[in-house]
Amino acid sequence: MVKKPSMQASATRTSVTDEEADALARRLSDKPYGSPEKIEEVKPEQEKQCRTTISLGESMLRKTEDLALQNKRNGRDPKNVSAIVREALELYFEKLSKNMNS
């Protein structure tokens, strides 16, 4: 006699306690991407990040997303669109302040 799929799975499956499931969830939620030596400590003086919405042209958005993906695959920063936009704005503000002081 062939067992139903649900019976086969339950025969090989071990039971997991709530504590074990919670421990696994905590461990996985704290797991960083990449190798441990690339983990940066969160500095207390870092400014709180706030969410905003911007509009970009389709081609600019694609270029930014492609760059983020390429950086992520190569292990370089910035690895996401938000970080690229932040870096670009920081460079813009630096350039602006230099021009104002000249």
PDB file of N, CA and C in Angstrom:
ATOM      1  N   MET A   1       0.838  -1.180   0.000  1.00  0.00           N
ATOM      2  CA  MET A   1       0.000   0.000   0.000  1.00  0.00           C
ATOM      3  C   MET A   1       0.889   1.251   0.000  1.00  0.00           C
ATOM      4  N   VAL A   2       0.542   2.223  -0.835  1.00  0.00           N
ATOM      5  CA  VAL A   2       1.287   3.482  -0.919  1.00  0.00           C
ATOM      6  C   VAL A   2       0.654   4.477   0.051  1.00  0.00           C
ATOM      7  N   LYS A   3       1.502   5.078   0.843  1.00  0.00           N
ATOM      8  CA  LYS A   3       0.995   6.059   1.805  1.00  0.00           C
ATOM      9  C   LYS A   3       0.676   7.363   1.108  1.00  0.00           C
ATOM     10  N   LYS A   4      -0.270   8.100   1.654  1.00  0.00           N
ATOM     11  CA  LYS A   4      -0.584   9.420   1.153  1.00  0.00           C
ATOM     12  C   LYS A   4       0.617  10.337   1.437  1.00  0.00           C
ATOM     13  N   PRO A   5       0.864  11.358   0.601  1.00  0.00           N
ATOM     14  CA  PRO A   5       2.006  12.245   0.817  1.00  0.00           C
ATOM     15  C   PRO A   5       2.036  12.853   2.222  1.00  0.00           C
ATOM     16  N   SER A   6       0.897  13.211   2.764  1.00  0.00           N
ATOM     17  CA  SER A   6       0.884  13.815   4.095  1.00  0.00           C
ATOM     18  C   SER A   6       1.334  12.826   5.161  1.00  0.00           C
ATOM     19  N   MET A   7       1.052  11.542   4.961  1.00  0.00           N
ATOM     20  CA  MET A   7       1.462  10.528   5.918  1.00  0.00           C
ATOM     21  C   MET A   7       2.967  10.286   5.819  1.00  0.00           C
ATOM     22  N   GLN A   8       3.518  10.350   4.604  1.00  0.00           N
ATOM     23  CA  GLN A   8       4.954  10.153   4.416  1.00  0.00           C
ATOM     24  C   GLN A   8       5.729  11.287   5.086  1.00  0.00           C
ATOM     25  N   ALA A   9       5.278  12.483   4.892  1.00  0.00           N
ATOM     26  CA  ALA A   9       5.987  13.637   5.449  1.00  0.00           C
ATOM     27  C   ALA A   9       5.953  13.619   6.966  1.00  0.00           C
ATOM     28  N   SER A  10       4.810  13.292   7.525  1.00  0.00           N
ATOM     29  CA  SER A  10       4.709  13.310   8.981  1.00  0.00           C
ATOM     30  C   SER A  10       5.517  12.190   9.625  1.00  0.00           C
ATOM     31  N   ALA A  11       5.769  11.127   8.892  1.00  0.00           N
ATOM     32  CA  ALA A  11       6.544  10.015   9.442  1.00  0.00           C
ATOM     33  C   ALA A  11       8.017  10.383   9.583  1.00  0.00           C
ATOM     34  N   THR A  12       8.532  11.231   8.686  1.00  0.00           N
ATOM     35  CA  THR A  12       9.956  11.601   8.727  1.00  0.00           C
ATOM     36  C   THR A  12      10.192  12.939   9.422  1.00  0.00           C
ATOM     37  N   ARG A  13       9.166  13.685   9.650  1.00  0.00           N
ATOM     38  CA  ARG A  13       9.295  15.018  10.238  1.00  0.00           C
ATOM     39  C   ARG A  13       9.446  14.912  11.755  1.00  0.00           C
ATOM     40  N   THR A  14      10.424  15.646  12.293  1.00  0.00           N
ATOM     41  CA  THR A  14      10.574  15.676  13.745  1.00  0.00           C
ATOM     42  C   THR A  14       9.766  16.848  14.284  1.00  0.00           C
ATOM     43  N   SER A  15       9.289  16.703  15.489  1.00  0.00           N
ATOM     44  CA  SER A  15       8.502  17.788  16.058  1.00  0.00           C
ATOM     45  C   SER A  15       9.442  18.862  16.595  1.00  0.00           C
ATOM     46  N   VAL A  16       9.019  20.105  16.443  1.00  0.00           N
ATOM     47  CA  VAL A  16       9.799  21.254  16.876  1.00  0.00           C
ATOM     48  C   VAL A  16       9.016  21.970  17.959  1.00  0.00           C
ATOM     49  N   THR A  17       9.693  22.264  19.042  1.00  0.00           N
ATOM     50  CA  THR A  17       9.022  22.971  20.127  1.00  0.00           C
ATOM     51  C   THR A  17       8.920  24.454  19.794  1.00  0.00           C
ATOM     52  N   ASP A  18       8.044  25.146  20.489  1.00  0.00           N
ATOM     53  CA  ASP A  18       7.896  26.587  20.286  1.00  0.00           C
ATOM     54  C   ASP A  18       9.195  27.317  20.599  1.00  0.00           C
ATOM     55  N   GLU A  19       9.908  26.868  21.628  1.00  0.00           N
ATOM     56  CA  GLU A  19      11.167  27.496  22.025  1.00  0.00           C
ATOM     57  C   GLU A  19      12.215  27.335  20.930  1.00  0.00           C
ATOM     58  N   GLU A  20      12.275  26.138  20.337  1.00  0.00           N
ATOM     59  CA  GLU A  20      13.241  25.901  19.257  1.00  0.00           C
ATOM     60  C   GLU A  20      12.912  26.755  18.037  1.00  0.00           C
ATOM     61  N   ALA A  21      11.644  26.886  17.717  1.00  0.00           N
ATOM     62  CA  ALA A  21      11.233  27.711  16.586  1.00  0.00           C
ATOM     63  C   ALA A  21      11.565  29.174  16.838  1.00  0.00           C
ATOM     64  N   ASP A  22      11.316  29.662  18.055  1.00  0.00           N
ATOM     65  CA  ASP A  22      11.646  31.047  18.396  1.00  0.00           C
ATOM     66  C   ASP A  22      13.149  31.286  18.337  1.00  0.00           C
ATOM     67  N   ALA A  23      13.928  30.351  18.830  1.00  0.00           N
ATOM     68  CA  ALA A  23      15.392  30.490  18.809  1.00  0.00           C
ATOM     69  C   ALA A  23      15.903  30.546  17.374  1.00  0.00           C
ATOM     70  N   LEU A  24      15.371  29.698  16.510  1.00  0.00           N
ATOM     71  CA  LEU A  24      15.769  29.699  15.113  1.00  0.00           C
ATOM     72  C   LEU A  24      15.381  31.016  14.442  1.00  0.00           C
ATOM     73  N   ALA A  25      14.189  31.494  14.699  1.00  0.00           N
ATOM     74  CA  ALA A  25      13.738  32.756  14.111  1.00  0.00           C
ATOM     75  C   ALA A  25      14.625  33.912  14.549  1.00  0.00           C
ATOM     76  N   ARG A  26      14.977  33.958  15.837  1.00  0.00           N
ATOM     77  CA  ARG A  26      15.860  35.024  16.338  1.00  0.00           C
ATOM     78  C   ARG A  26      17.236  34.939  15.690  1.00  0.00           C
ATOM     79  N   ARG A  27      17.771  33.724  15.578  1.00  0.00           N
ATOM     80  CA  ARG A  27      19.094  33.545  14.983  1.00  0.00           C
ATOM     81  C   ARG A  27      19.102  33.958  13.517  1.00  0.00           C
ATOM     82  N   LEU A  28      18.081  33.587  12.763  1.00  0.00           N
ATOM     83  CA  LEU A  28      18.026  33.921  11.344  1.00  0.00           C
ATOM     84  C   LEU A  28      17.747  35.399  11.114  1.00  0.00           C
ATOM     85  N   SER A  29      16.955  36.023  11.971  1.00  0.00           N
ATOM     86  CA  SER A  29      16.644  37.441  11.780  1.00  0.00           C
ATOM     87  C   SER A  29      17.854  38.316  12.059  1.00  0.00           C
ATOM     88  N   ASP A  30      18.781  37.859  12.883  1.00  0.00           N
ATOM     89  CA  ASP A  30      19.988  38.618  13.184  1.00  0.00           C
ATOM     90  C   ASP A  30      21.138  38.286  12.248  1.00  0.00           C
ATOM     91  N   LYS A  31      20.948  37.347  11.347  1.00  0.00           N
ATOM     92  CA  LYS A  31      22.028  36.906  10.476  1.00  0.00           C
ATOM     93  C   LYS A  31      22.293  37.956   9.395  1.00  0.00           C
ATOM     94  N   PRO A  32      23.517  38.475   9.320  1.00  0.00           N
ATOM     95  CA  PRO A  32      23.842  39.476   8.302  1.00  0.00           C
ATOM     96  C   PRO A  32      24.125  38.817   6.959  1.00  0.00           C
ATOM     97  N   TYR A  33      24.019  39.580   5.901  1.00  0.00           N
ATOM     98  CA  TYR A  33      24.404  39.102   4.586  1.00  0.00           C
ATOM     99  C   TYR A  33      25.903  39.244   4.450  1.00  0.00           C
ATOM    100  N   GLY A  34      26.524  38.365   3.682  1.00  0.00           N
ATOM    101  CA  GLY A  34      27.956  38.464   3.446  1.00  0.00           C
ATOM    102  C   GLY A  34      28.766  37.820   4.543  1.00  0.00           C
ATOM    103  N   SER A  35      30.067  38.049   4.473  1.00  0.00           N
ATOM    104  CA  SER A  35      30.961  37.445   5.449  1.00  0.00           C
ATOM    105  C   SER A  35      31.012  38.270   6.725  1.00  0.00           C
ATOM    106  N   PRO A  36      31.304  37.636   7.855  1.00  0.00           N
ATOM    107  CA  PRO A  36      31.290  38.329   9.145  1.00  0.00           C
ATOM    108  C   PRO A  36      32.255  39.506   9.220  1.00  0.00           C
ATOM    109  N   GLU A  37      33.394  39.444   8.509  1.00  0.00           N
ATOM    110  CA  GLU A  37      34.346  40.539   8.619  1.00  0.00           C
ATOM    111  C   GLU A  37      33.856  41.827   7.955  1.00  0.00           C
ATOM    112  N   LYS A  38      32.822  41.748   7.138  1.00  0.00           N
ATOM    113  CA  LYS A  38      32.286  42.935   6.487  1.00  0.00           C
ATOM    114  C   LYS A  38      31.215  43.632   7.320  1.00  0.00           C
ATOM    115  N   ILE A  39      30.861  43.071   8.451  1.00  0.00           N
ATOM    116  CA  ILE A  39      29.817  43.643   9.296  1.00  0.00           C
ATOM    117  C   ILE A  39      30.332  44.931   9.919  1.00  0.00           C
ATOM    118  N   GLU A  40      29.566  45.979   9.778  1.00  0.00           N
ATOM    119  CA  GLU A  40      29.936  47.244  10.386  1.00  0.00           C
ATOM    120  C   GLU A  40      29.111  47.443  11.644  1.00  0.00           C
ATOM    121  N   GLU A  41      29.753  47.955  12.675  1.00  0.00           N
ATOM    122  CA  GLU A  41      29.036  48.231  13.906  1.00  0.00           C
ATOM    123  C   GLU A  41      28.146  49.446  13.701  1.00  0.00           C
ATOM    124  N   VAL A  42      26.984  49.419  14.313  1.00  0.00           N
ATOM    125  CA  VAL A  42      26.096  50.564  14.263  1.00  0.00           C
ATOM    126  C   VAL A  42      26.615  51.587  15.255  1.00  0.00           C
ATOM    127  N   LYS A  43      26.925  52.763  14.763  1.00  0.00           N
ATOM    128  CA  LYS A  43      27.471  53.806  15.611  1.00  0.00           C
ATOM    129  C   LYS A  43      26.322  54.577  16.246  1.00  0.00           C
ATOM    130  N   PRO A  44      26.420  54.867  17.543  1.00  0.00           N
ATOM    131  CA  PRO A  44      25.330  55.571  18.208  1.00  0.00           C
ATOM    132  C   PRO A  44      25.102  56.969  17.654  1.00  0.00           C
ATOM    133  N   GLU A  45      26.141  57.573  17.069  1.00  0.00           N
ATOM    134  CA  GLU A  45      25.972  58.927  16.559  1.00  0.00           C
ATOM    135  C   GLU A  45      25.362  58.968  15.156  1.00  0.00           C
ATOM    136  N   GLN A  46      25.076  57.782  14.563  1.00  0.00           N
ATOM    137  CA  GLN A  46      24.454  57.765  13.250  1.00  0.00           C
ATOM    138  C   GLN A  46      23.059  58.372  13.328  1.00  0.00           C
ATOM    139  N   GLU A  47      22.754  59.151  12.326  1.00  0.00           N
ATOM    140  CA  GLU A  47      21.456  59.806  12.284  1.00  0.00           C
ATOM    141  C   GLU A  47      20.361  58.806  11.922  1.00  0.00           C
ATOM    142  N   LYS A  48      19.201  58.980  12.496  1.00  0.00           N
ATOM    143  CA  LYS A  48      18.057  58.120  12.219  1.00  0.00           C
ATOM    144  C   LYS A  48      17.662  58.257  10.754  1.00  0.00           C
ATOM    145  N   GLN A  49      17.387  57.139  10.109  1.00  0.00           N
ATOM    146  CA  GLN A  49      16.969  57.143   8.717  1.00  0.00           C
ATOM    147  C   GLN A  49      15.471  57.418   8.632  1.00  0.00           C
ATOM    148  N   CYS A  50      15.087  58.287   7.721  1.00  0.00           N
ATOM    149  CA  CYS A  50      13.679  58.611   7.498  1.00  0.00           C
ATOM    150  C   CYS A  50      13.316  58.229   6.070  1.00  0.00           C
ATOM    151  N   ARG A  51      12.117  57.776   5.894  1.00  0.00           N
ATOM    152  CA  ARG A  51      11.643  57.353   4.580  1.00  0.00           C
ATOM    153  C   ARG A  51      11.088  58.551   3.815  1.00  0.00           C
ATOM    154  N   THR A  52      11.363  58.578   2.501  1.00  0.00           N
ATOM    155  CA  THR A  52      10.804  59.605   1.633  1.00  0.00           C
ATOM    156  C   THR A  52      10.536  58.994   0.267  1.00  0.00           C
ATOM    157  N   THR A  53       9.816  59.692  -0.551  1.00  0.00           N
ATOM    158  CA  THR A  53       9.513  59.221  -1.891  1.00  0.00           C
ATOM    159  C   THR A  53      10.039  60.233  -2.890  1.00  0.00           C
ATOM    160  N   ILE A  54      10.736  59.750  -3.911  1.00  0.00           N
ATOM    161  CA  ILE A  54      11.215  60.625  -4.979  1.00  0.00           C
ATOM    162  C   ILE A  54      10.774  60.045  -6.312  1.00  0.00           C
ATOM    163  N   SER A  55      10.752  60.881  -7.309  1.00  0.00           N
ATOM    164  CA  SER A  55      10.424  60.440  -8.663  1.00  0.00           C
ATOM    165  C   SER A  55      11.670  60.544  -9.521  1.00  0.00           C
ATOM    166  N   LEU A  56      11.966  59.469 -10.245  1.00  0.00           N
ATOM    167  CA  LEU A  56      13.108  59.437 -11.146  1.00  0.00           C
ATOM    168  C   LEU A  56      12.616  59.028 -12.519  1.00  0.00           C
ATOM    169  N   GLY A  57      13.331  59.456 -13.528  1.00  0.00           N
ATOM    170  CA  GLY A  57      13.029  58.979 -14.869  1.00  0.00           C
ATOM    171  C   GLY A  57      13.279  57.486 -14.941  1.00  0.00           C
ATOM    172  N   GLU A  58      12.568  56.819 -15.819  1.00  0.00           N
ATOM    173  CA  GLU A  58      12.681  55.366 -15.903  1.00  0.00           C
ATOM    174  C   GLU A  58      14.107  54.924 -16.198  1.00  0.00           C
ATOM    175  N   SER A  59      14.783  55.615 -17.111  1.00  0.00           N
ATOM    176  CA  SER A  59      16.154  55.214 -17.451  1.00  0.00           C
ATOM    177  C   SER A  59      17.102  55.451 -16.273  1.00  0.00           C
ATOM    178  N   MET A  60      16.907  56.538 -15.527  1.00  0.00           N
ATOM    179  CA  MET A  60      17.755  56.812 -14.368  1.00  0.00           C
ATOM    180  C   MET A  60      17.528  55.769 -13.274  1.00  0.00           C
ATOM    181  N   LEU A  61      16.283  55.400 -13.065  1.00  0.00           N
ATOM    182  CA  LEU A  61      15.981  54.379 -12.071  1.00  0.00           C
ATOM    183  C   LEU A  61      16.606  53.048 -12.454  1.00  0.00           C
ATOM    184  N   ARG A  62      16.509  52.674 -13.728  1.00  0.00           N
ATOM    185  CA  ARG A  62      17.107  51.413 -14.188  1.00  0.00           C
ATOM    186  C   ARG A  62      18.620  51.417 -13.991  1.00  0.00           C
ATOM    187  N   LYS A  63      19.261  52.539 -14.344  1.00  0.00           N
ATOM    188  CA  LYS A  63      20.716  52.635 -14.164  1.00  0.00           C
ATOM    189  C   LYS A  63      21.077  52.496 -12.687  1.00  0.00           C
ATOM    190  N   THR A  64      20.308  53.138 -11.830  1.00  0.00           N
ATOM    191  CA  THR A  64      20.576  53.090 -10.395  1.00  0.00           C
ATOM    192  C   THR A  64      20.371  51.672  -9.856  1.00  0.00           C
ATOM    193  N   GLU A  65      19.294  51.021 -10.257  1.00  0.00           N
ATOM    194  CA  GLU A  65      19.041  49.645  -9.816  1.00  0.00           C
ATOM    195  C   GLU A  65      20.107  48.692 -10.333  1.00  0.00           C
ATOM    196  N   ASP A  66      20.533  48.880 -11.593  1.00  0.00           N
ATOM    197  CA  ASP A  66      21.590  48.035 -12.162  1.00  0.00           C
ATOM    198  C   ASP A  66      22.903  48.220 -11.405  1.00  0.00           C
ATOM    199  N   LEU A  67      23.222  49.468 -11.069  1.00  0.00           N
ATOM    200  CA  LEU A  67      24.441  49.740 -10.310  1.00  0.00           C
ATOM    201  C   LEU A  67      24.378  49.102  -8.934  1.00  0.00           C
ATOM    202  N   ALA A  68      23.233  49.207  -8.278  1.00  0.00           N
ATOM    203  CA  ALA A  68      23.066  48.601  -6.955  1.00  0.00           C
ATOM    204  C   ALA A  68      23.258  47.085  -7.030  1.00  0.00           C
ATOM    205  N   LEU A  69      22.670  46.452  -8.025  1.00  0.00           N
ATOM    206  CA  LEU A  69      22.805  45.002  -8.183  1.00  0.00           C
ATOM    207  C   LEU A  69      24.250  44.618  -8.480  1.00  0.00           C
ATOM    208  N   GLN A  70      24.902  45.385  -9.349  1.00  0.00           N
ATOM    209  CA  GLN A  70      26.303  45.116  -9.685  1.00  0.00           C
ATOM    210  C   GLN A  70      27.186  45.264  -8.436  1.00  0.00           C
ATOM    211  N   ASN A  71      26.966  46.311  -7.663  1.00  0.00           N
ATOM    212  CA  ASN A  71      27.739  46.516  -6.435  1.00  0.00           C
ATOM    213  C   ASN A  71      27.504  45.387  -5.442  1.00  0.00           C
ATOM    214  N   LYS A  72      26.245  44.961  -5.322  1.00  0.00           N
ATOM    215  CA  LYS A  72      25.915  43.883  -4.386  1.00  0.00           C
ATOM    216  C   LYS A  72      26.623  42.597  -4.781  1.00  0.00           C
ATOM    217  N   ARG A  73      26.620  42.295  -6.070  1.00  0.00           N
ATOM    218  CA  ARG A  73      27.274  41.072  -6.553  1.00  0.00           C
ATOM    219  C   ARG A  73      28.782  41.132  -6.379  1.00  0.00           C
ATOM    220  N   ASN A  74      29.363  42.334  -6.486  1.00  0.00           N
ATOM    221  CA  ASN A  74      30.811  42.498  -6.360  1.00  0.00           C
ATOM    222  C   ASN A  74      31.255  42.794  -4.930  1.00  0.00           C
ATOM    223  N   GLY A  75      30.302  42.893  -4.006  1.00  0.00           N
ATOM    224  CA  GLY A  75      30.635  43.143  -2.611  1.00  0.00           C
ATOM    225  C   GLY A  75      31.110  44.553  -2.335  1.00  0.00           C
ATOM    226  N   ARG A  76      30.662  45.508  -3.140  1.00  0.00           N
ATOM    227  CA  ARG A  76      31.060  46.907  -2.962  1.00  0.00           C
ATOM    228  C   ARG A  76      29.878  47.720  -2.470  1.00  0.00           C
ATOM    229  N   ASP A  77      30.166  48.820  -1.826  1.00  0.00           N
ATOM    230  CA  ASP A  77      29.132  49.758  -1.410  1.00  0.00           C
ATOM    231  C   ASP A  77      29.029  50.869  -2.443  1.00  0.00           C
ATOM    232  N   PRO A  78      27.911  51.483  -2.584  1.00  0.00           N
ATOM    233  CA  PRO A  78      26.599  51.246  -2.000  1.00  0.00           C
ATOM    234  C   PRO A  78      25.882  50.097  -2.706  1.00  0.00           C
ATOM    235  N   LYS A  79      25.135  49.321  -1.914  1.00  0.00           N
ATOM    236  CA  LYS A  79      24.531  48.096  -2.432  1.00  0.00           C
ATOM    237  C   LYS A  79      23.034  48.192  -2.653  1.00  0.00           C
ATOM    238  N   ASN A  80      22.438  49.358  -2.437  1.00  0.00           N
ATOM    239  CA  ASN A  80      21.007  49.492  -2.718  1.00  0.00           C
ATOM    240  C   ASN A  80      20.718  50.893  -3.242  1.00  0.00           C
ATOM    241  N   VAL A  81      19.547  51.059  -3.815  1.00  0.00           N
ATOM    242  CA  VAL A  81      19.182  52.324  -4.450  1.00  0.00           C
ATOM    243  C   VAL A  81      19.212  53.462  -3.439  1.00  0.00           C
ATOM    244  N   SER A  82      18.698  53.240  -2.243  1.00  0.00           N
ATOM    245  CA  SER A  82      18.682  54.295  -1.225  1.00  0.00           C
ATOM    246  C   SER A  82      20.086  54.780  -0.903  1.00  0.00           C
ATOM    247  N   ALA A  83      21.016  53.852  -0.756  1.00  0.00           N
ATOM    248  CA  ALA A  83      22.396  54.222  -0.427  1.00  0.00           C
ATOM    249  C   ALA A  83      23.040  54.994  -1.572  1.00  0.00           C
ATOM    250  N   ILE A  84      22.739  54.624  -2.803  1.00  0.00           N
ATOM    251  CA  ILE A  84      23.275  55.343  -3.962  1.00  0.00           C
ATOM    252  C   ILE A  84      22.744  56.771  -3.982  1.00  0.00           C
ATOM    253  N   VAL A  85      21.454  56.936  -3.737  1.00  0.00           N
ATOM    254  CA  VAL A  85      20.857  58.275  -3.730  1.00  0.00           C
ATOM    255  C   VAL A  85      21.431  59.102  -2.582  1.00  0.00           C
ATOM    256  N   ARG A  86      21.602  58.501  -1.398  1.00  0.00           N
ATOM    257  CA  ARG A  86      22.200  59.226  -0.268  1.00  0.00           C
ATOM    258  C   ARG A  86      23.604  59.701  -0.604  1.00  0.00           C
ATOM    259  N   GLU A  87      24.404  58.806  -1.193  1.00  0.00           N
ATOM    260  CA  GLU A  87      25.778  59.169  -1.551  1.00  0.00           C
ATOM    261  C   GLU A  87      25.795  60.287  -2.588  1.00  0.00           C
ATOM    262  N   ALA A  88      24.910  60.197  -3.570  1.00  0.00           N
ATOM    263  CA  ALA A  88      24.841  61.243  -4.599  1.00  0.00           C
ATOM    264  C   ALA A  88      24.455  62.585  -3.980  1.00  0.00           C
ATOM    265  N   LEU A  89      23.505  62.582  -3.058  1.00  0.00           N
ATOM    266  CA  LEU A  89      23.103  63.830  -2.403  1.00  0.00           C
ATOM    267  C   LEU A  89      24.227  64.398  -1.539  1.00  0.00           C
ATOM    268  N   GLU A  90      24.956  63.524  -0.845  1.00  0.00           N
ATOM    269  CA  GLU A  90      26.081  64.003  -0.042  1.00  0.00           C
ATOM    270  C   GLU A  90      27.125  64.679  -0.921  1.00  0.00           C
ATOM    271  N   LEU A  91      27.439  64.059  -2.069  1.00  0.00           N
ATOM    272  CA  LEU A  91      28.391  64.668  -3.000  1.00  0.00           C
ATOM    273  C   LEU A  91      27.865  65.999  -3.534  1.00  0.00           C
ATOM    274  N   TYR A  92      26.586  66.060  -3.829  1.00  0.00           N
ATOM    275  CA  TYR A  92      25.970  67.294  -4.311  1.00  0.00           C
ATOM    276  C   TYR A  92      26.066  68.402  -3.267  1.00  0.00           C
ATOM    277  N   PHE A  93      25.756  68.075  -2.012  1.00  0.00           N
ATOM    278  CA  PHE A  93      25.823  69.077  -0.944  1.00  0.00           C
ATOM    279  C   PHE A  93      27.254  69.552  -0.710  1.00  0.00           C
ATOM    280  N   GLU A  94      28.227  68.630  -0.793  1.00  0.00           N
ATOM    281  CA  GLU A  94      29.637  69.027  -0.661  1.00  0.00           C
ATOM    282  C   GLU A  94      30.020  69.994  -1.776  1.00  0.00           C
ATOM    283  N   LYS A  95      29.644  69.660  -3.004  1.00  0.00           N
ATOM    284  CA  LYS A  95      29.948  70.523  -4.155  1.00  0.00           C
ATOM    285  C   LYS A  95      29.277  71.868  -4.000  1.00  0.00           C
ATOM    286  N   LEU A  96      28.041  71.868  -3.548  1.00  0.00           N
ATOM    287  CA  LEU A  96      27.291  73.102  -3.359  1.00  0.00           C
ATOM    288  C   LEU A  96      27.952  73.995  -2.306  1.00  0.00           C
ATOM    289  N   SER A  97      28.373  73.400  -1.187  1.00  0.00           N
ATOM    290  CA  SER A  97      28.992  74.196  -0.115  1.00  0.00           C
ATOM    291  C   SER A  97      30.338  74.752  -0.569  1.00  0.00           C
ATOM    292  N   LYS A  98      31.097  73.988  -1.375  1.00  0.00           N
ATOM    293  CA  LYS A  98      32.381  74.480  -1.909  1.00  0.00           C
ATOM    294  C   LYS A  98      32.138  75.677  -2.810  1.00  0.00           C
ATOM    295  N   ASN A  99      31.108  75.603  -3.651  1.00  0.00           N
ATOM    296  CA  ASN A  99      30.802  76.695  -4.578  1.00  0.00           C
ATOM    297  C   ASN A  99      30.332  77.941  -3.842  1.00  0.00           C
ATOM    298  N   MET A 100      29.630  77.751  -2.725  1.00  0.00           N
ATOM    299  CA  MET A 100      29.140  78.889  -1.954  1.00  0.00           C
ATOM    300  C   MET A 100      30.269  79.578  -1.195  1.00  0.00           C
ATOM    301  N   ASN A 101      31.304  78.790  -0.817  1.00  0.00           N
ATOM    302  CA  ASN A 101      32.415  79.350  -0.058  1.00  0.00           C
ATOM    303  C   ASN A 101      33.480  79.960  -0.950  1.00  0.00           C
ATOM    304  N   SER A 102      33.381  79.769  -2.266  1.00  0.00           N
ATOM    305  CA  SER A 102      34.396  80.322  -3.170  1.00  0.00           C
ATOM    306  C   SER A 102      34.088  81.749  -3.559  1.00  0.00           C
TER     307      SER A 102
END
